[in-house]
Protein backbone atom coordinates (compact mmCIF):
# COMPACT_ATOMS: atom_id res chain seq x y z
CA MET A 1 0.00 0.00 0.00
CA SER A 2 2.98 2.34 0.39
CA ILE A 3 5.13 3.81 -2.33
CA GLY A 4 7.97 1.62 -3.56
CA TRP A 5 9.92 0.45 -6.57
CA PRO A 6 10.91 -3.14 -7.43
CA GLY A 7 14.51 -3.91 -6.45
CA SER A 8 15.21 -0.43 -5.09
CA ARG A 9 15.65 0.98 -1.60
CA THR A 10 15.41 4.56 -2.82
CA ILE A 11 12.58 6.51 -4.43
CA PRO A 12 13.30 6.94 -8.15
CA ALA A 13 13.64 10.53 -9.35
CA GLY A 14 10.34 11.70 -10.81
CA LEU A 15 8.12 9.31 -8.90
CA PRO A 16 5.16 10.98 -7.13
CA CYS A 17 6.02 10.82 -3.45
CA TRP A 18 3.51 13.12 -1.75
CA VAL A 19 0.36 15.22 -2.22
CA GLU A 20 -0.86 18.08 -0.08
CA VAL A 21 -3.77 20.48 0.01
CA ALA A 22 -3.73 24.15 0.94
CA CYS A 23 -6.94 25.30 2.61
CA HIS A 24 -8.49 28.36 4.23
CA ASP A 25 -10.21 26.53 7.10
CA GLU A 26 -7.98 23.74 8.43
CA ALA A 27 -10.58 22.26 10.79
CA ARG A 28 -13.29 22.12 8.13
CA ALA A 29 -10.93 20.63 5.53
CA GLN A 30 -9.73 17.98 7.97
CA GLU A 31 -13.32 17.04 8.76
CA PHE A 32 -14.18 16.80 5.05
CA TYR A 33 -11.31 14.48 4.11
CA SER A 34 -11.56 12.49 7.33
CA ARG A 35 -15.15 11.61 6.57
CA LEU A 36 -14.67 11.16 2.82
CA PHE A 37 -11.51 9.03 2.97
CA GLY A 38 -11.32 7.92 6.61
CA TRP A 39 -8.07 9.82 7.15
CA GLU A 40 -6.63 10.56 10.58
CA TYR A 41 -4.39 13.57 11.20
CA GLU A 42 -1.23 14.34 13.13
CA ILE A 43 0.12 17.90 13.44
CA ARG A 44 3.82 18.55 12.78
CA ARG A 45 6.00 21.66 12.86
CA ASP A 46 6.74 23.07 9.40
CA PRO A 47 8.72 26.28 8.82
CA ALA A 48 7.55 26.44 5.19
CA SER A 49 3.84 26.82 6.02
CA PRO A 50 2.24 30.20 6.84
CA THR A 51 1.18 29.03 10.33
CA GLY A 52 4.29 26.99 11.09
CA ARG A 53 2.25 23.80 11.35
CA TYR A 54 1.40 21.00 8.97
CA SER A 55 -1.13 18.18 9.30
CA ILE A 56 -0.19 14.74 8.00
CA ALA A 57 -3.11 12.49 7.06
CA SER A 58 -2.77 8.75 7.41
CA CYS A 59 -4.78 5.86 5.97
CA ASP A 60 -4.54 2.59 7.89
CA GLY A 61 -1.43 3.89 9.59
CA VAL A 62 0.45 4.96 6.43
CA ALA A 63 0.95 8.64 5.53
CA ALA A 64 -1.46 9.56 2.72
CA GLY A 65 -1.17 13.33 2.27
CA GLY A 66 -0.70 16.69 3.88
CA LEU A 67 -2.90 19.64 4.79
CA TYR A 68 -1.92 23.19 5.68
CA GLN A 69 -3.41 26.68 5.77
CA ALA A 70 -2.93 28.65 2.57
CA GLY A 71 -1.27 32.05 2.69
CA SER A 72 -3.37 35.20 2.39
CA ARG A 73 -2.50 35.53 -1.31
CA SER A 74 -2.68 31.81 -2.13
CA ALA A 75 -5.67 29.92 -3.47
CA PRO A 76 -6.73 26.56 -1.99
CA GLY A 77 -5.67 23.57 -4.04
CA TRP A 78 -3.91 20.23 -4.24
CA THR A 79 -0.19 20.10 -5.07
CA LEU A 80 1.84 17.15 -6.30
CA GLN A 81 5.36 16.45 -5.04
CA LEU A 82 7.91 14.55 -7.10
CA ALA A 83 10.98 12.78 -5.75
CA VAL A 84 14.45 14.17 -6.45
CA PRO A 85 17.81 12.91 -5.12
CA HIS A 86 18.99 16.46 -4.34
CA THR A 87 16.82 19.59 -4.16
CA ALA A 88 19.81 21.89 -4.71
CA SER A 89 20.61 20.19 -8.00
CA ALA A 90 16.92 20.13 -8.95
CA ALA A 91 16.77 23.92 -8.43
CA GLU A 92 19.55 24.41 -10.97
CA TRP A 93 17.86 22.13 -13.49
CA VAL A 94 14.46 23.80 -13.03
CA GLU A 95 15.96 27.17 -13.97
CA HIS A 96 18.01 25.65 -16.81
CA LEU A 97 14.92 24.02 -18.35
CA GLY A 98 12.81 27.19 -18.29
CA GLY A 99 11.07 26.83 -14.94
CA GLN A 100 11.21 29.12 -11.92
CA VAL A 101 12.09 28.36 -8.31
CA THR A 102 9.61 30.02 -5.94
CA LEU A 103 10.75 28.65 -2.56
CA GLY A 104 13.70 26.71 -1.24
CA PRO A 105 15.36 24.42 -0.98
CA VAL A 106 13.96 24.32 2.57
CA ALA A 107 14.88 21.66 5.13
CA ILE A 108 11.84 20.18 6.90
CA PRO A 109 12.45 18.54 10.31
CA ASP A 110 12.49 14.74 9.89
CA ARG A 111 11.13 15.07 6.34
CA GLY A 112 14.14 15.93 4.18
CA SER A 113 14.18 18.98 1.93
CA ILE A 114 11.62 20.56 -0.42
CA LEU A 115 11.74 22.87 -3.41
CA HIS A 116 8.72 24.78 -4.71
CA ALA A 117 8.74 25.73 -8.39
CA ILE A 118 6.76 26.73 -11.44
CA ASP A 119 7.46 24.38 -14.33
CA ALA A 120 8.15 25.48 -17.90
CA CYS A 121 4.46 25.44 -18.83
CA GLY A 122 3.39 27.48 -15.78
CA ALA A 123 2.12 24.80 -13.40
CA PRO A 124 3.17 24.83 -9.73
CA VAL A 125 5.00 21.71 -8.56
CA VAL A 126 7.04 20.67 -5.54
CA PHE A 127 10.21 18.58 -5.60
CA TRP A 128 11.11 16.59 -2.53
CA GLU A 129 14.37 15.09 -1.37
CA ALA A 130 12.62 12.64 0.95
CA PRO A 131 14.24 10.79 3.85
CA PRO A 132 15.18 7.17 3.04
CA ASP A 133 12.53 5.70 5.33
CA TRP A 134 9.69 7.79 3.91
CA GLN A 135 6.34 6.08 3.24
CA PHE A 136 3.48 7.35 1.10
CA ALA A 137 0.20 5.45 0.85
CA SER A 138 -0.80 4.63 -2.72
CA GLY A 139 -2.43 1.87 -4.72
CA ALA A 140 -5.20 1.20 -2.20
CA PRO A 141 -8.68 2.66 -1.56
CA ASN A 142 -8.68 6.22 -0.18
CA THR A 143 -5.06 6.81 -1.21
CA PHE A 144 -3.21 8.44 -4.10
CA SER A 145 -3.87 6.86 -7.49
CA GLY A 146 -2.23 9.19 -10.00
CA ALA A 147 -2.11 12.73 -11.39
CA ASP A 148 -2.65 14.62 -14.64
CA LEU A 149 -0.72 17.74 -15.59
CA ASN A 150 -3.30 19.92 -17.34
CA THR A 151 -1.51 22.47 -19.52
CA HIS A 152 -1.90 24.70 -22.58
CA ASP A 153 1.62 23.90 -23.82
CA GLY A 154 2.30 20.19 -24.16
CA VAL A 155 5.63 20.70 -25.92
CA ALA A 156 7.03 22.82 -23.09
CA ALA A 157 5.72 20.40 -20.45
CA ASP A 158 7.15 17.34 -22.20
CA HIS A 159 10.56 18.93 -22.70
CA PHE A 160 10.75 20.07 -19.06
CA TYR A 161 9.77 16.80 -17.41
CA THR A 162 11.42 14.33 -19.79
CA LYS A 163 14.73 16.21 -19.51
CA LEU A 164 14.45 16.71 -15.75
CA PHE A 165 13.55 13.09 -14.96
CA ASN A 166 14.40 11.14 -18.11
CA TYR A 167 10.78 10.04 -18.40
CA SER A 168 9.79 8.17 -21.52
CA SER A 169 6.60 9.58 -23.03
CA ARG A 170 3.83 7.98 -25.07
CA GLN A 171 0.81 9.57 -26.72
CA VAL A 172 -2.37 7.83 -25.50
CA GLY A 173 -4.80 10.29 -27.04
CA ASP A 174 -5.01 10.75 -30.80
CA GLY A 175 -2.52 13.61 -30.55
CA GLU A 176 -4.84 16.08 -32.28
CA SER A 177 -8.33 16.33 -30.84
CA VAL A 178 -7.01 14.80 -27.61
CA ASP A 179 -3.36 15.39 -26.70
CA TYR A 180 -2.87 13.12 -23.70
CA VAL A 181 0.61 11.77 -22.92
CA GLU A 182 1.78 9.10 -20.50
CA TYR A 183 5.08 9.61 -18.63
CA SER A 184 6.84 6.39 -17.62
CA ILE A 185 9.84 5.24 -15.60
CA GLU A 186 11.26 1.92 -16.75
CA HIS A 187 8.08 1.17 -18.74
CA THR A 188 5.84 1.83 -15.73
CA ALA A 189 3.39 4.74 -16.09
CA VAL A 190 3.78 7.28 -13.29
CA LEU A 191 2.03 10.46 -14.53
CA TYR A 192 -0.03 11.90 -17.40
CA ARG A 193 0.00 15.20 -19.28
CA TYR A 194 -3.09 16.67 -20.97
CA VAL A 195 -3.36 19.70 -23.25
CA MET A 196 -6.57 21.35 -22.08
CA GLY A 197 -9.27 21.35 -24.75
CA PRO A 198 -12.32 23.57 -25.34
CA GLU A 199 -14.00 22.17 -22.21
CA TYR A 200 -11.63 24.44 -20.24
CA ARG A 201 -11.76 28.22 -20.28
CA ARG A 202 -8.82 29.71 -22.19
CA ASP A 203 -7.65 31.51 -19.05
CA THR A 204 -7.56 28.32 -16.93
CA PRO A 205 -4.05 28.21 -15.43
CA PRO A 206 -1.90 25.09 -15.85
CA HIS A 207 -2.38 22.76 -12.88
CA TRP A 208 -2.11 19.21 -11.56
CA LEU A 209 -5.24 17.13 -11.02
CA VAL A 210 -4.68 14.56 -8.26
CA TYR A 211 -6.65 11.28 -8.27
CA PHE A 212 -7.58 9.16 -5.25
CA GLU A 213 -8.64 5.53 -5.53
CA ILE A 214 -12.12 4.52 -4.44
CA ASP A 215 -13.10 1.05 -3.22
CA PRO A 216 -15.27 -0.65 -5.91
CA ALA A 217 -17.74 -1.64 -3.19
CA ARG A 218 -18.32 2.06 -2.63
CA GLY A 219 -17.87 3.48 -6.13
CA ALA A 220 -17.22 6.93 -7.55
CA ASP A 221 -20.92 7.82 -7.65
CA ALA A 222 -21.36 7.26 -3.92
CA ALA A 223 -18.16 9.19 -3.17
CA ALA A 224 -19.43 12.14 -5.21
CA GLY A 225 -22.70 12.11 -3.29
CA GLU A 226 -20.85 11.99 0.02
CA ALA A 227 -18.66 14.93 -1.01
CA LEU A 228 -21.80 16.98 -1.61
CA MET A 229 -23.26 16.07 1.78
CA LEU A 230 -19.96 17.02 3.44
CA GLY A 231 -20.05 20.54 2.03
CA GLY A 232 -17.99 19.96 -1.10
CA SER A 233 -19.12 20.08 -4.71
CA VAL A 234 -19.17 17.94 -7.84
CA VAL A 235 -17.20 19.66 -10.59
CA ILE A 236 -17.85 16.89 -13.16
CA GLU A 237 -20.42 14.17 -12.56
CA PRO A 238 -19.16 10.56 -12.50
CA TYR A 239 -18.24 9.27 -15.96
CA ASP A 240 -16.64 6.16 -17.43
CA THR A 241 -13.09 6.13 -18.81
CA PRO A 242 -10.58 3.54 -20.04
CA PHE A 243 -8.88 3.93 -16.64
CA GLY A 244 -11.97 3.57 -14.43
CA ARG A 245 -15.12 5.38 -13.39
CA THR A 246 -14.14 8.89 -12.37
CA ALA A 247 -15.65 11.97 -10.73
CA ILE A 248 -14.01 15.38 -10.34
CA LEU A 249 -14.85 16.95 -7.00
CA ALA A 250 -13.97 19.97 -4.88
CA ASP A 251 -13.66 20.31 -1.12
CA PRO A 252 -15.48 23.05 0.87
CA ASP A 253 -12.67 25.54 0.07
CA GLY A 254 -12.88 24.78 -3.64
CA ALA A 255 -9.70 22.65 -3.92
CA VAL A 256 -10.31 20.34 -6.90
CA PHE A 257 -9.39 16.63 -6.94
CA ALA A 258 -10.64 13.44 -8.56
CA VAL A 259 -11.75 10.02 -7.37
CA ILE A 260 -11.52 6.90 -9.51
CA ASP A 261 -12.83 3.34 -9.31
CA HIS A 262 -10.41 1.24 -11.35
CA SER A 263 -12.75 -1.78 -11.42
CA LEU A 264 -15.11 -0.13 -13.93
CA VAL A 265 -13.06 0.27 -17.09
CA LEU A 266 -14.47 1.49 -20.40
CA GLU A 267 -13.15 -0.96 -22.98
CA ASP A 268 -12.04 -0.32 -26.57
CA VAL A 269 -11.94 3.43 -26.33
CA GLY A 270 -9.12 5.31 -28.00
CA ARG A 271 -9.72 8.60 -26.25
CA ALA A 272 -8.18 10.03 -23.13
CA GLU A 273 -10.09 9.86 -19.88
CA VAL A 274 -10.12 13.61 -19.39
CA ASP A 275 -12.13 14.08 -22.60
CA ASP A 276 -14.92 11.59 -21.93
CA PRO A 277 -17.36 13.75 -19.95
CA TYR A 278 -17.43 16.40 -22.68
CA ASP A 279 -18.36 14.05 -25.50
CA ASP A 280 -21.54 15.18 -27.22
């Protein structure tokens, strides 16, 4: 259930190793995710957060994500963190590849070092030099399942990430009406990149969409209904994709995320999952 890599004791560079949400109301956000995903929280000291504190959510005893209060000029939202062997070196490469460092590297007590940046296509991302014993819950219900980089410039995104991490990339859309690319490490898919189509406003900023796995016995439809009852909202109603039945939701502060039930797969479809709900 925790992050790992066959035959390796270290986290490969470029592997998602953490997700965190910035919120306006910490207590309300904790209540929302605790009831939606069954998460429990532990507060830690964090010099990088506006309040100096950081809440770590756990699922069945394994760390599943973070929560902190957003700054006065920051919008609520989920952020993806990617593993790097050295944040100082990553900072140099970010600048070299056309990105921008916005914070760090910053040492976090007992949690290694982090680097906040804007990538070459304008999306915020965090790079983490994690401690060797770090665990991150994934691949199980109510934990991280994957992430899409939604961008207006696929060429810039692909150049930045494939050079930074040596990802291999593969087009899984048709490359024209749907430009949806899979990033892989050693032939294992780790992330996806999508060029936002007409279903997005032209002024939508580049961003990561984080997915959480839902137990098939519960399903994405029930999770969407529960999010509504808990004070959140349904951004896109549940829909079927080649990856599983998905719903795009938002928490009470408006932070957008997705849930997916991998047991319900739409077969023989050559279109990317992000395009399905907009099909006329």
